[in-house]
């Protein structure tokens, strides 16, 4: 199944945000879409783990209240159904998969 022009432009726009103007030379085809799907799948794993990281502690606050609030926040973040990814996760995953995108772009 080939991507239509609108889908190609959405995909290209997303990839430009990660890899810059070099994406304009890349073919927006099914293989590029599958590689982007892989990027988002791996990024979501990272984002799920980021939900478990406590947020920064504000000096002068009660440590007990902070820990209680963080434990509650971690649980609530895990219970949310979301379709978002942490930007740091997307960028890190994009960096680690850049060679995959370059291979697809060169026809491999």
PDB file of N, CA and C in Angstrom:
ATOM      1  N   UNK A   1       0.845  -1.180   0.000  1.00  0.00           N
ATOM      2  CA  UNK A   1       0.000   0.000   0.000  1.00  0.00           C
ATOM      3  C   UNK A   1       0.887   1.239   0.000  1.00  0.00           C
ATOM      4  N   UNK A   2       0.734   2.079  -0.968  1.00  0.00           N
ATOM      5  CA  UNK A   2       1.527   3.305  -1.076  1.00  0.00           C
ATOM      6  C   UNK A   2       0.871   4.427  -0.278  1.00  0.00           C
ATOM      7  N   UNK A   3       1.703   5.333   0.199  1.00  0.00           N
ATOM      8  CA  UNK A   3       1.205   6.496   0.914  1.00  0.00           C
ATOM      9  C   UNK A   3       0.719   7.537  -0.086  1.00  0.00           C
ATOM     10  N   UNK A   4      -0.426   8.173   0.204  1.00  0.00           N
ATOM     11  CA  UNK A   4      -0.869   9.241  -0.690  1.00  0.00           C
ATOM     12  C   UNK A   4      -0.056  10.506  -0.402  1.00  0.00           C
ATOM     13  N   UNK A   5      -0.232  11.511  -1.225  1.00  0.00           N
ATOM     14  CA  UNK A   5       0.561  12.740  -1.143  1.00  0.00           C
ATOM     15  C   UNK A   5       0.413  13.401   0.237  1.00  0.00           C
ATOM     16  N   UNK A   6      -0.792  13.460   0.766  1.00  0.00           N
ATOM     17  CA  UNK A   6      -1.017  14.102   2.071  1.00  0.00           C
ATOM     18  C   UNK A   6      -0.278  13.350   3.174  1.00  0.00           C
ATOM     19  N   UNK A   7      -0.350  12.024   3.158  1.00  0.00           N
ATOM     20  CA  UNK A   7       0.347  11.215   4.158  1.00  0.00           C
ATOM     21  C   UNK A   7       1.859  11.372   4.038  1.00  0.00           C
ATOM     22  N   UNK A   8       2.350  11.453   2.814  1.00  0.00           N
ATOM     23  CA  UNK A   8       3.780  11.652   2.597  1.00  0.00           C
ATOM     24  C   UNK A   8       4.238  12.979   3.198  1.00  0.00           C
ATOM     25  N   UNK A   9       3.435  14.010   3.040  1.00  0.00           N
ATOM     26  CA  UNK A   9       3.805  15.325   3.565  1.00  0.00           C
ATOM     27  C   UNK A   9       3.766  15.356   5.090  1.00  0.00           C
ATOM     28  N   UNK A  10       2.809  14.659   5.696  1.00  0.00           N
ATOM     29  CA  UNK A  10       2.759  14.576   7.155  1.00  0.00           C
ATOM     30  C   UNK A  10       3.999  13.846   7.670  1.00  0.00           C
ATOM     31  N   UNK A  11       4.332  12.735   7.032  1.00  0.00           N
ATOM     32  CA  UNK A  11       5.508  11.966   7.418  1.00  0.00           C
ATOM     33  C   UNK A  11       6.779  12.799   7.242  1.00  0.00           C
ATOM     34  N   UNK A  12       6.899  13.466   6.104  1.00  0.00           N
ATOM     35  CA  UNK A  12       8.071  14.305   5.826  1.00  0.00           C
ATOM     36  C   UNK A  12       8.190  15.427   6.868  1.00  0.00           C
ATOM     37  N   UNK A  13       7.097  16.069   7.184  1.00  0.00           N
ATOM     38  CA  UNK A  13       7.091  17.153   8.164  1.00  0.00           C
ATOM     39  C   UNK A  13       7.573  16.662   9.528  1.00  0.00           C
ATOM     40  N   UNK A  14       7.115  15.503   9.949  1.00  0.00           N
ATOM     41  CA  UNK A  14       7.545  14.931  11.220  1.00  0.00           C
ATOM     42  C   UNK A  14       9.042  14.634  11.210  1.00  0.00           C
ATOM     43  N   UNK A  15       9.510  14.012  10.138  1.00  0.00           N
ATOM     44  CA  UNK A  15      10.922  13.632  10.062  1.00  0.00           C
ATOM     45  C   UNK A  15      11.845  14.841   9.945  1.00  0.00           C
ATOM     46  N   UNK A  16      11.381  15.900   9.301  1.00  0.00           N
ATOM     47  CA  UNK A  16      12.183  17.120   9.205  1.00  0.00           C
ATOM     48  C   UNK A  16      12.443  17.693  10.595  1.00  0.00           C
ATOM     49  N   UNK A  17      11.470  17.591  11.473  1.00  0.00           N
ATOM     50  CA  UNK A  17      11.643  18.095  12.842  1.00  0.00           C
ATOM     51  C   UNK A  17      12.739  17.327  13.582  1.00  0.00           C
ATOM     52  N   UNK A  18      12.965  16.087  13.184  1.00  0.00           N
ATOM     53  CA  UNK A  18      13.977  15.269  13.848  1.00  0.00           C
ATOM     54  C   UNK A  18      15.332  15.316  13.150  1.00  0.00           C
ATOM     55  N   UNK A  19      15.322  15.302  11.819  1.00  0.00           N
ATOM     56  CA  UNK A  19      16.565  15.142  11.072  1.00  0.00           C
ATOM     57  C   UNK A  19      16.940  16.336  10.197  1.00  0.00           C
ATOM     58  N   UNK A  20      16.100  17.335  10.127  1.00  0.00           N
ATOM     59  CA  UNK A  20      16.428  18.527   9.356  1.00  0.00           C
ATOM     60  C   UNK A  20      16.094  18.407   7.876  1.00  0.00           C
ATOM     61  N   UNK A  21      16.634  19.347   7.110  1.00  0.00           N
ATOM     62  CA  UNK A  21      16.276  19.484   5.693  1.00  0.00           C
ATOM     63  C   UNK A  21      16.736  18.323   4.816  1.00  0.00           C
ATOM     64  N   UNK A  22      17.663  17.495   5.300  1.00  0.00           N
ATOM     65  CA  UNK A  22      18.085  16.344   4.495  1.00  0.00           C
ATOM     66  C   UNK A  22      16.913  15.420   4.163  1.00  0.00           C
ATOM     67  N   UNK A  23      15.867  15.489   4.979  1.00  0.00           N
ATOM     68  CA  UNK A  23      14.689  14.641   4.774  1.00  0.00           C
ATOM     69  C   UNK A  23      14.002  14.957   3.448  1.00  0.00           C
ATOM     70  N   UNK A  24      14.157  16.188   2.963  1.00  0.00           N
ATOM     71  CA  UNK A  24      13.532  16.561   1.693  1.00  0.00           C
ATOM     72  C   UNK A  24      14.019  15.695   0.541  1.00  0.00           C
ATOM     73  N   UNK A  25      15.187  15.079   0.687  1.00  0.00           N
ATOM     74  CA  UNK A  25      15.732  14.211  -0.366  1.00  0.00           C
ATOM     75  C   UNK A  25      15.342  12.752  -0.166  1.00  0.00           C
ATOM     76  N   UNK A  26      14.708  12.439   0.944  1.00  0.00           N
ATOM     77  CA  UNK A  26      14.353  11.052   1.257  1.00  0.00           C
ATOM     78  C   UNK A  26      13.017  10.679   0.611  1.00  0.00           C
ATOM     79  N   UNK A  27      12.888   9.442   0.145  1.00  0.00           N
ATOM     80  CA  UNK A  27      11.602   9.000  -0.390  1.00  0.00           C
ATOM     81  C   UNK A  27      10.623   8.748   0.760  1.00  0.00           C
ATOM     82  N   UNK A  28       9.421   9.223   0.611  1.00  0.00           N
ATOM     83  CA  UNK A  28       8.390   8.974   1.626  1.00  0.00           C
ATOM     84  C   UNK A  28       7.558   7.787   1.150  1.00  0.00           C
ATOM     85  N   UNK A  29       8.037   6.606   1.477  1.00  0.00           N
ATOM     86  CA  UNK A  29       7.381   5.386   1.026  1.00  0.00           C
ATOM     87  C   UNK A  29       7.006   4.515   2.229  1.00  0.00           C
ATOM     88  N   UNK A  30       6.495   3.348   1.942  1.00  0.00           N
ATOM     89  CA  UNK A  30       6.030   2.437   2.992  1.00  0.00           C
ATOM     90  C   UNK A  30       7.170   2.043   3.945  1.00  0.00           C
ATOM     91  N   UNK A  31       8.344   1.837   3.397  1.00  0.00           N
ATOM     92  CA  UNK A  31       9.484   1.445   4.233  1.00  0.00           C
ATOM     93  C   UNK A  31       9.889   2.574   5.190  1.00  0.00           C
ATOM     94  N   UNK A  32       9.824   3.801   4.714  1.00  0.00           N
ATOM     95  CA  UNK A  32      10.117   4.952   5.569  1.00  0.00           C
ATOM     96  C   UNK A  32       9.046   5.060   6.661  1.00  0.00           C
ATOM     97  N   UNK A  33       7.803   4.799   6.288  1.00  0.00           N
ATOM     98  CA  UNK A  33       6.711   4.814   7.264  1.00  0.00           C
ATOM     99  C   UNK A  33       6.938   3.747   8.335  1.00  0.00           C
ATOM    100  N   UNK A  34       7.333   2.540   7.915  1.00  0.00           N
ATOM    101  CA  UNK A  34       7.575   1.450   8.869  1.00  0.00           C
ATOM    102  C   UNK A  34       8.734   1.784   9.812  1.00  0.00           C
ATOM    103  N   UNK A  35       9.751   2.439   9.305  1.00  0.00           N
ATOM    104  CA  UNK A  35      10.885   2.838  10.144  1.00  0.00           C
ATOM    105  C   UNK A  35      10.444   3.907  11.139  1.00  0.00           C
ATOM    106  N   UNK A  36       9.581   4.817  10.710  1.00  0.00           N
ATOM    107  CA  UNK A  36       9.047   5.836  11.610  1.00  0.00           C
ATOM    108  C   UNK A  36       8.175   5.184  12.681  1.00  0.00           C
ATOM    109  N   UNK A  37       7.408   4.185  12.302  1.00  0.00           N
ATOM    110  CA  UNK A  37       6.594   3.450  13.273  1.00  0.00           C
ATOM    111  C   UNK A  37       7.504   2.790  14.315  1.00  0.00           C
ATOM    112  N   UNK A  38       8.608   2.221  13.863  1.00  0.00           N
ATOM    113  CA  UNK A  38       9.571   1.601  14.780  1.00  0.00           C
ATOM    114  C   UNK A  38      10.119   2.648  15.752  1.00  0.00           C
ATOM    115  N   UNK A  39      10.430   3.833  15.241  1.00  0.00           N
ATOM    116  CA  UNK A  39      10.927   4.915  16.078  1.00  0.00           C
ATOM    117  C   UNK A  39       9.907   5.258  17.166  1.00  0.00           C
ATOM    118  N   UNK A  40       8.648   5.396  16.786  1.00  0.00           N
ATOM    119  CA  UNK A  40       7.619   5.764  17.761  1.00  0.00           C
ATOM    120  C   UNK A  40       7.337   4.632  18.741  1.00  0.00           C
ATOM    121  N   UNK A  41       7.438   3.394  18.286  1.00  0.00           N
ATOM    122  CA  UNK A  41       7.242   2.258  19.181  1.00  0.00           C
ATOM    123  C   UNK A  41       8.331   2.227  20.249  1.00  0.00           C
ATOM    124  N   UNK A  42       9.572   2.394  19.830  1.00  0.00           N
ATOM    125  CA  UNK A  42      10.685   2.395  20.795  1.00  0.00           C
ATOM    126  C   UNK A  42      10.624   3.624  21.701  1.00  0.00           C
ATOM    127  N   UNK A  43      10.207   4.745  21.148  1.00  0.00           N
ATOM    128  CA  UNK A  43      10.070   5.961  21.936  1.00  0.00           C
ATOM    129  C   UNK A  43       8.994   5.807  23.010  1.00  0.00           C
ATOM    130  N   UNK A  44       7.935   5.089  22.704  1.00  0.00           N
ATOM    131  CA  UNK A  44       6.868   4.912  23.696  1.00  0.00           C
ATOM    132  C   UNK A  44       7.349   4.074  24.880  1.00  0.00           C
ATOM    133  N   UNK A  45       8.250   3.132  24.628  1.00  0.00           N
ATOM    134  CA  UNK A  45       8.820   2.339  25.731  1.00  0.00           C
ATOM    135  C   UNK A  45       9.605   3.256  26.664  1.00  0.00           C
ATOM    136  N   UNK A  46      10.386   4.141  26.089  1.00  0.00           N
ATOM    137  CA  UNK A  46      11.143   5.118  26.872  1.00  0.00           C
ATOM    138  C   UNK A  46      10.184   6.030  27.635  1.00  0.00           C
ATOM    139  N   UNK A  47       9.141   6.503  26.972  1.00  0.00           N
ATOM    140  CA  UNK A  47       8.177   7.398  27.612  1.00  0.00           C
ATOM    141  C   UNK A  47       7.475   6.711  28.776  1.00  0.00           C
ATOM    142  N   UNK A  48       7.170   5.437  28.619  1.00  0.00           N
ATOM    143  CA  UNK A  48       6.558   4.692  29.722  1.00  0.00           C
ATOM    144  C   UNK A  48       7.482   4.660  30.933  1.00  0.00           C
ATOM    145  N   UNK A  49       8.766   4.484  30.695  1.00  0.00           N
ATOM    146  CA  UNK A  49       9.730   4.472  31.799  1.00  0.00           C
ATOM    147  C   UNK A  49       9.909   5.861  32.404  1.00  0.00           C
ATOM    148  N   UNK A  50       9.819   6.896  31.578  1.00  0.00           N
ATOM    149  CA  UNK A  50       9.954   8.266  32.084  1.00  0.00           C
ATOM    150  C   UNK A  50       8.842   8.599  33.069  1.00  0.00           C
ATOM    151  N   UNK A  51       7.688   7.971  32.904  1.00  0.00           N
ATOM    152  CA  UNK A  51       6.597   8.197  33.849  1.00  0.00           C
ATOM    153  C   UNK A  51       6.968   7.742  35.251  1.00  0.00           C
ATOM    154  N   UNK A  52       7.927   6.840  35.363  1.00  0.00           N
ATOM    155  CA  UNK A  52       8.334   6.317  36.667  1.00  0.00           C
ATOM    156  C   UNK A  52       9.388   7.174  37.364  1.00  0.00           C
ATOM    157  N   UNK A  53       9.910   8.156  36.667  1.00  0.00           N
ATOM    158  CA  UNK A  53      10.960   9.002  37.223  1.00  0.00           C
ATOM    159  C   UNK A  53      10.323  10.116  38.070  1.00  0.00           C
ATOM    160  N   UNK A  54      10.744  10.220  39.336  1.00  0.00           N
ATOM    161  CA  UNK A  54      10.212  11.317  40.162  1.00  0.00           C
ATOM    162  C   UNK A  54      10.606  12.678  39.585  1.00  0.00           C
ATOM    163  N   UNK A  55       9.761  13.640  39.785  1.00  0.00           N
ATOM    164  CA  UNK A  55      10.031  14.992  39.317  1.00  0.00           C
ATOM    165  C   UNK A  55      10.970  15.690  40.305  1.00  0.00           C
ATOM    166  N   UNK A  56      11.596  16.783  39.905  1.00  0.00           N
ATOM    167  CA  UNK A  56      12.575  17.453  40.770  1.00  0.00           C
ATOM    168  C   UNK A  56      12.001  17.855  42.128  1.00  0.00           C
ATOM    169  N   UNK A  57      12.846  17.759  43.116  1.00  0.00           N
ATOM    170  CA  UNK A  57      12.497  18.118  44.494  1.00  0.00           C
ATOM    171  C   UNK A  57      12.777  19.596  44.713  1.00  0.00           C
ATOM    172  N   UNK A  58      11.805  20.300  45.258  1.00  0.00           N
ATOM    173  CA  UNK A  58      11.974  21.724  45.546  1.00  0.00           C
ATOM    174  C   UNK A  58      12.551  21.890  46.950  1.00  0.00           C
ATOM    175  N   UNK A  59      13.721  22.489  47.073  1.00  0.00           N
ATOM    176  CA  UNK A  59      14.317  22.683  48.394  1.00  0.00           C
ATOM    177  C   UNK A  59      13.369  23.461  49.314  1.00  0.00           C
ATOM    178  N   UNK A  60      13.405  23.107  50.579  1.00  0.00           N
ATOM    179  CA  UNK A  60      12.566  23.779  51.555  1.00  0.00           C
ATOM    180  C   UNK A  60      11.217  23.115  51.765  1.00  0.00           C
ATOM    181  N   UNK A  61      10.876  22.180  50.920  1.00  0.00           N
ATOM    182  CA  UNK A  61       9.605  21.463  51.051  1.00  0.00           C
ATOM    183  C   UNK A  61       9.816  20.246  51.943  1.00  0.00           C
ATOM    184  N   UNK A  62       8.737  19.764  52.493  1.00  0.00           N
ATOM    185  CA  UNK A  62       8.786  18.575  53.342  1.00  0.00           C
ATOM    186  C   UNK A  62       9.117  17.353  52.489  1.00  0.00           C
ATOM    187  N   UNK A  63      10.159  16.618  52.876  1.00  0.00           N
ATOM    188  CA  UNK A  63      10.571  15.430  52.118  1.00  0.00           C
ATOM    189  C   UNK A  63       9.486  14.363  52.133  1.00  0.00           C
ATOM    190  N   UNK A  64       8.798  14.196  53.241  1.00  0.00           N
ATOM    191  CA  UNK A  64       7.732  13.188  53.348  1.00  0.00           C
ATOM    192  C   UNK A  64       6.587  13.536  52.404  1.00  0.00           C
ATOM    193  N   UNK A  65       6.175  14.807  52.402  1.00  0.00           N
ATOM    194  CA  UNK A  65       5.096  15.235  51.501  1.00  0.00           C
ATOM    195  C   UNK A  65       5.529  15.071  50.044  1.00  0.00           C
ATOM    196  N   UNK A  66       6.790  15.420  49.765  1.00  0.00           N
ATOM    197  CA  UNK A  66       7.317  15.282  48.405  1.00  0.00           C
ATOM    198  C   UNK A  66       7.246  13.831  47.949  1.00  0.00           C
ATOM    199  N   UNK A  67       7.743  12.915  48.758  1.00  0.00           N
ATOM    200  CA  UNK A  67       7.738  11.492  48.399  1.00  0.00           C
ATOM    201  C   UNK A  67       6.325  10.961  48.228  1.00  0.00           C
ATOM    202  N   UNK A  68       5.428  11.362  49.098  1.00  0.00           N
ATOM    203  CA  UNK A  68       4.032  10.929  48.996  1.00  0.00           C
ATOM    204  C   UNK A  68       3.419  11.437  47.694  1.00  0.00           C
ATOM    205  N   UNK A  69       3.650  12.709  47.409  1.00  0.00           N
ATOM    206  CA  UNK A  69       3.109  13.302  46.176  1.00  0.00           C
ATOM    207  C   UNK A  69       3.709  12.642  44.936  1.00  0.00           C
ATOM    208  N   UNK A  70       5.013  12.362  44.953  1.00  0.00           N
ATOM    209  CA  UNK A  70       5.659  11.732  43.807  1.00  0.00           C
ATOM    210  C   UNK A  70       5.142  10.321  43.575  1.00  0.00           C
ATOM    211  N   UNK A  71       4.960   9.554  44.644  1.00  0.00           N
ATOM    212  CA  UNK A  71       4.430   8.195  44.500  1.00  0.00           C
ATOM    213  C   UNK A  71       3.032   8.241  43.883  1.00  0.00           C
ATOM    214  N   UNK A  72       2.221   9.180  44.343  1.00  0.00           N
ATOM    215  CA  UNK A  72       0.870   9.336  43.794  1.00  0.00           C
ATOM    216  C   UNK A  72       0.929   9.751  42.321  1.00  0.00           C
ATOM    217  N   UNK A  73       1.798  10.718  42.010  1.00  0.00           N
ATOM    218  CA  UNK A  73       1.927  11.201  40.625  1.00  0.00           C
ATOM    219  C   UNK A  73       2.410  10.101  39.686  1.00  0.00           C
ATOM    220  N   UNK A  74       3.365   9.295  40.149  1.00  0.00           N
ATOM    221  CA  UNK A  74       3.864   8.190  39.322  1.00  0.00           C
ATOM    222  C   UNK A  74       2.729   7.221  39.003  1.00  0.00           C
ATOM    223  N   UNK A  75       1.936   6.886  39.998  1.00  0.00           N
ATOM    224  CA  UNK A  75       0.811   5.975  39.788  1.00  0.00           C
ATOM    225  C   UNK A  75      -0.188   6.578  38.813  1.00  0.00           C
ATOM    226  N   UNK A  76      -0.510   7.840  38.989  1.00  0.00           N
ATOM    227  CA  UNK A  76      -1.480   8.491  38.098  1.00  0.00           C
ATOM    228  C   UNK A  76      -0.963   8.572  36.662  1.00  0.00           C
ATOM    229  N   UNK A  77       0.339   8.847  36.490  1.00  0.00           N
ATOM    230  CA  UNK A  77       0.899   8.890  35.132  1.00  0.00           C
ATOM    231  C   UNK A  77       0.819   7.523  34.471  1.00  0.00           C
ATOM    232  N   UNK A  78       0.992   6.463  35.257  1.00  0.00           N
ATOM    233  CA  UNK A  78       0.918   5.111  34.711  1.00  0.00           C
ATOM    234  C   UNK A  78      -0.509   4.721  34.351  1.00  0.00           C
ATOM    235  N   UNK A  79      -1.480   5.254  35.079  1.00  0.00           N
ATOM    236  CA  UNK A  79      -2.879   4.898  34.834  1.00  0.00           C
ATOM    237  C   UNK A  79      -3.473   5.641  33.644  1.00  0.00           C
ATOM    238  N   UNK A  80      -2.888   6.777  33.305  1.00  0.00           N
ATOM    239  CA  UNK A  80      -3.409   7.558  32.182  1.00  0.00           C
ATOM    240  C   UNK A  80      -3.241   6.782  30.890  1.00  0.00           C
ATOM    241  N   UNK A  81      -4.279   6.817  30.073  1.00  0.00           N
ATOM    242  CA  UNK A  81      -4.112   6.302  28.720  1.00  0.00           C
ATOM    243  C   UNK A  81      -3.727   7.506  27.877  1.00  0.00           C
ATOM    244  N   UNK A  82      -2.599   7.420  27.239  1.00  0.00           N
ATOM    245  CA  UNK A  82      -2.110   8.566  26.493  1.00  0.00           C
ATOM    246  C   UNK A  82      -1.491   8.125  25.184  1.00  0.00           C
ATOM    247  N   UNK A  83      -1.414   9.061  24.317  1.00  0.00           N
ATOM    248  CA  UNK A  83      -0.792   8.847  23.020  1.00  0.00           C
ATOM    249  C   UNK A  83       0.364   9.823  22.849  1.00  0.00           C
ATOM    250  N   UNK A  84       1.012  10.184  23.966  1.00  0.00           N
ATOM    251  CA  UNK A  84       2.098  11.156  23.867  1.00  0.00           C
ATOM    252  C   UNK A  84       3.441  10.496  24.120  1.00  0.00           C
ATOM    253  N   UNK A  85       4.458  11.148  23.652  1.00  0.00           N
ATOM    254  CA  UNK A  85       5.823  10.691  23.862  1.00  0.00           C
ATOM    255  C   UNK A  85       6.613  11.862  24.434  1.00  0.00           C
ATOM    256  N   UNK A  86       7.513  11.562  25.337  1.00  0.00           N
ATOM    257  CA  UNK A  86       8.405  12.606  25.836  1.00  0.00           C
ATOM    258  C   UNK A  86       9.353  12.988  24.710  1.00  0.00           C
ATOM    259  N   UNK A  87       9.545  14.280  24.525  1.00  0.00           N
ATOM    260  CA  UNK A  87      10.404  14.772  23.454  1.00  0.00           C
ATOM    261  C   UNK A  87      11.817  14.206  23.577  1.00  0.00           C
ATOM    262  N   UNK A  88      12.317  14.126  24.796  1.00  0.00           N
ATOM    263  CA  UNK A  88      13.668  13.579  24.982  1.00  0.00           C
ATOM    264  C   UNK A  88      13.739  12.126  24.518  1.00  0.00           C
ATOM    265  N   UNK A  89      12.671  11.382  24.689  1.00  0.00           N
ATOM    266  CA  UNK A  89      12.650   9.988  24.233  1.00  0.00           C
ATOM    267  C   UNK A  89      12.620   9.911  22.704  1.00  0.00           C
ATOM    268  N   UNK A  90      11.813  10.754  22.088  1.00  0.00           N
ATOM    269  CA  UNK A  90      11.727  10.754  20.622  1.00  0.00           C
ATOM    270  C   UNK A  90      13.077  11.130  20.027  1.00  0.00           C
ATOM    271  N   UNK A  91      13.709  12.159  20.565  1.00  0.00           N
ATOM    272  CA  UNK A  91      14.994  12.612  20.014  1.00  0.00           C
ATOM    273  C   UNK A  91      16.096  11.583  20.224  1.00  0.00           C
ATOM    274  N   UNK A  92      16.119  10.957  21.390  1.00  0.00           N
ATOM    275  CA  UNK A  92      17.134   9.930  21.650  1.00  0.00           C
ATOM    276  C   UNK A  92      16.939   8.731  20.730  1.00  0.00           C
ATOM    277  N   UNK A  93      15.695   8.317  20.569  1.00  0.00           N
ATOM    278  CA  UNK A  93      15.400   7.191  19.688  1.00  0.00           C
ATOM    279  C   UNK A  93      15.702   7.556  18.240  1.00  0.00           C
ATOM    280  N   UNK A  94      15.379   8.773  17.848  1.00  0.00           N
ATOM    281  CA  UNK A  94      15.674   9.230  16.482  1.00  0.00           C
ATOM    282  C   UNK A  94      17.176   9.190  16.218  1.00  0.00           C
ATOM    283  N   UNK A  95      17.953   9.601  17.198  1.00  0.00           N
ATOM    284  CA  UNK A  95      19.412   9.565  17.049  1.00  0.00           C
ATOM    285  C   UNK A  95      19.895   8.126  16.883  1.00  0.00           C
ATOM    286  N   UNK A  96      19.359   7.215  17.694  1.00  0.00           N
ATOM    287  CA  UNK A  96      19.828   5.826  17.623  1.00  0.00           C
ATOM    288  C   UNK A  96      19.366   5.109  16.356  1.00  0.00           C
ATOM    289  N   UNK A  97      18.298   5.578  15.735  1.00  0.00           N
ATOM    290  CA  UNK A  97      17.788   4.930  14.518  1.00  0.00           C
ATOM    291  C   UNK A  97      18.147   5.673  13.235  1.00  0.00           C
ATOM    292  N   UNK A  98      18.943   6.719  13.349  1.00  0.00           N
ATOM    293  CA  UNK A  98      19.263   7.517  12.156  1.00  0.00           C
ATOM    294  C   UNK A  98      19.863   6.661  11.046  1.00  0.00           C
ATOM    295  N   UNK A  99      20.724   5.718  11.402  1.00  0.00           N
ATOM    296  CA  UNK A  99      21.312   4.865  10.364  1.00  0.00           C
ATOM    297  C   UNK A  99      20.248   4.048   9.645  1.00  0.00           C
ATOM    298  N   UNK A 100      19.177   3.653  10.338  1.00  0.00           N
ATOM    299  CA  UNK A 100      18.086   2.925   9.682  1.00  0.00           C
ATOM    300  C   UNK A 100      17.403   3.816   8.642  1.00  0.00           C
ATOM    301  N   UNK A 101      17.151   5.078   9.019  1.00  0.00           N
ATOM    302  CA  UNK A 101      16.518   6.006   8.087  1.00  0.00           C
ATOM    303  C   UNK A 101      17.421   6.279   6.893  1.00  0.00           C
ATOM    304  N   UNK A 102      18.708   6.421   7.145  1.00  0.00           N
ATOM    305  CA  UNK A 102      19.655   6.664   6.048  1.00  0.00           C
ATOM    306  C   UNK A 102      19.689   5.470   5.087  1.00  0.00           C
ATOM    307  N   UNK A 103      19.615   4.264   5.640  1.00  0.00           N
ATOM    308  CA  UNK A 103      19.610   3.064   4.799  1.00  0.00           C
ATOM    309  C   UNK A 103      18.359   3.021   3.929  1.00  0.00           C
ATOM    310  N   UNK A 104      17.217   3.333   4.525  1.00  0.00           N
ATOM    311  CA  UNK A 104      15.965   3.355   3.754  1.00  0.00           C
ATOM    312  C   UNK A 104      16.035   4.429   2.683  1.00  0.00           C
ATOM    313  N   UNK A 105      16.562   5.595   3.046  1.00  0.00           N
ATOM    314  CA  UNK A 105      16.666   6.704   2.096  1.00  0.00           C
ATOM    315  C   UNK A 105      17.570   6.354   0.917  1.00  0.00           C
ATOM    316  N   UNK A 106      18.569   5.524   1.145  1.00  0.00           N
ATOM    317  CA  UNK A 106      19.480   5.146   0.046  1.00  0.00           C
ATOM    318  C   UNK A 106      19.001   3.902  -0.698  1.00  0.00           C
ATOM    319  N   UNK A 107      17.832   3.398  -0.322  1.00  0.00           N
ATOM    320  CA  UNK A 107      17.249   2.275  -1.059  1.00  0.00           C
ATOM    321  C   UNK A 107      17.605   0.913  -0.539  1.00  0.00           C
ATOM    322  N   UNK A 108      18.229   0.809   0.605  1.00  0.00           N
ATOM    323  CA  UNK A 108      18.592  -0.489   1.174  1.00  0.00           C
ATOM    324  C   UNK A 108      17.464  -1.100   1.953  1.00  0.00           C
TER     325      UNK A 108
END
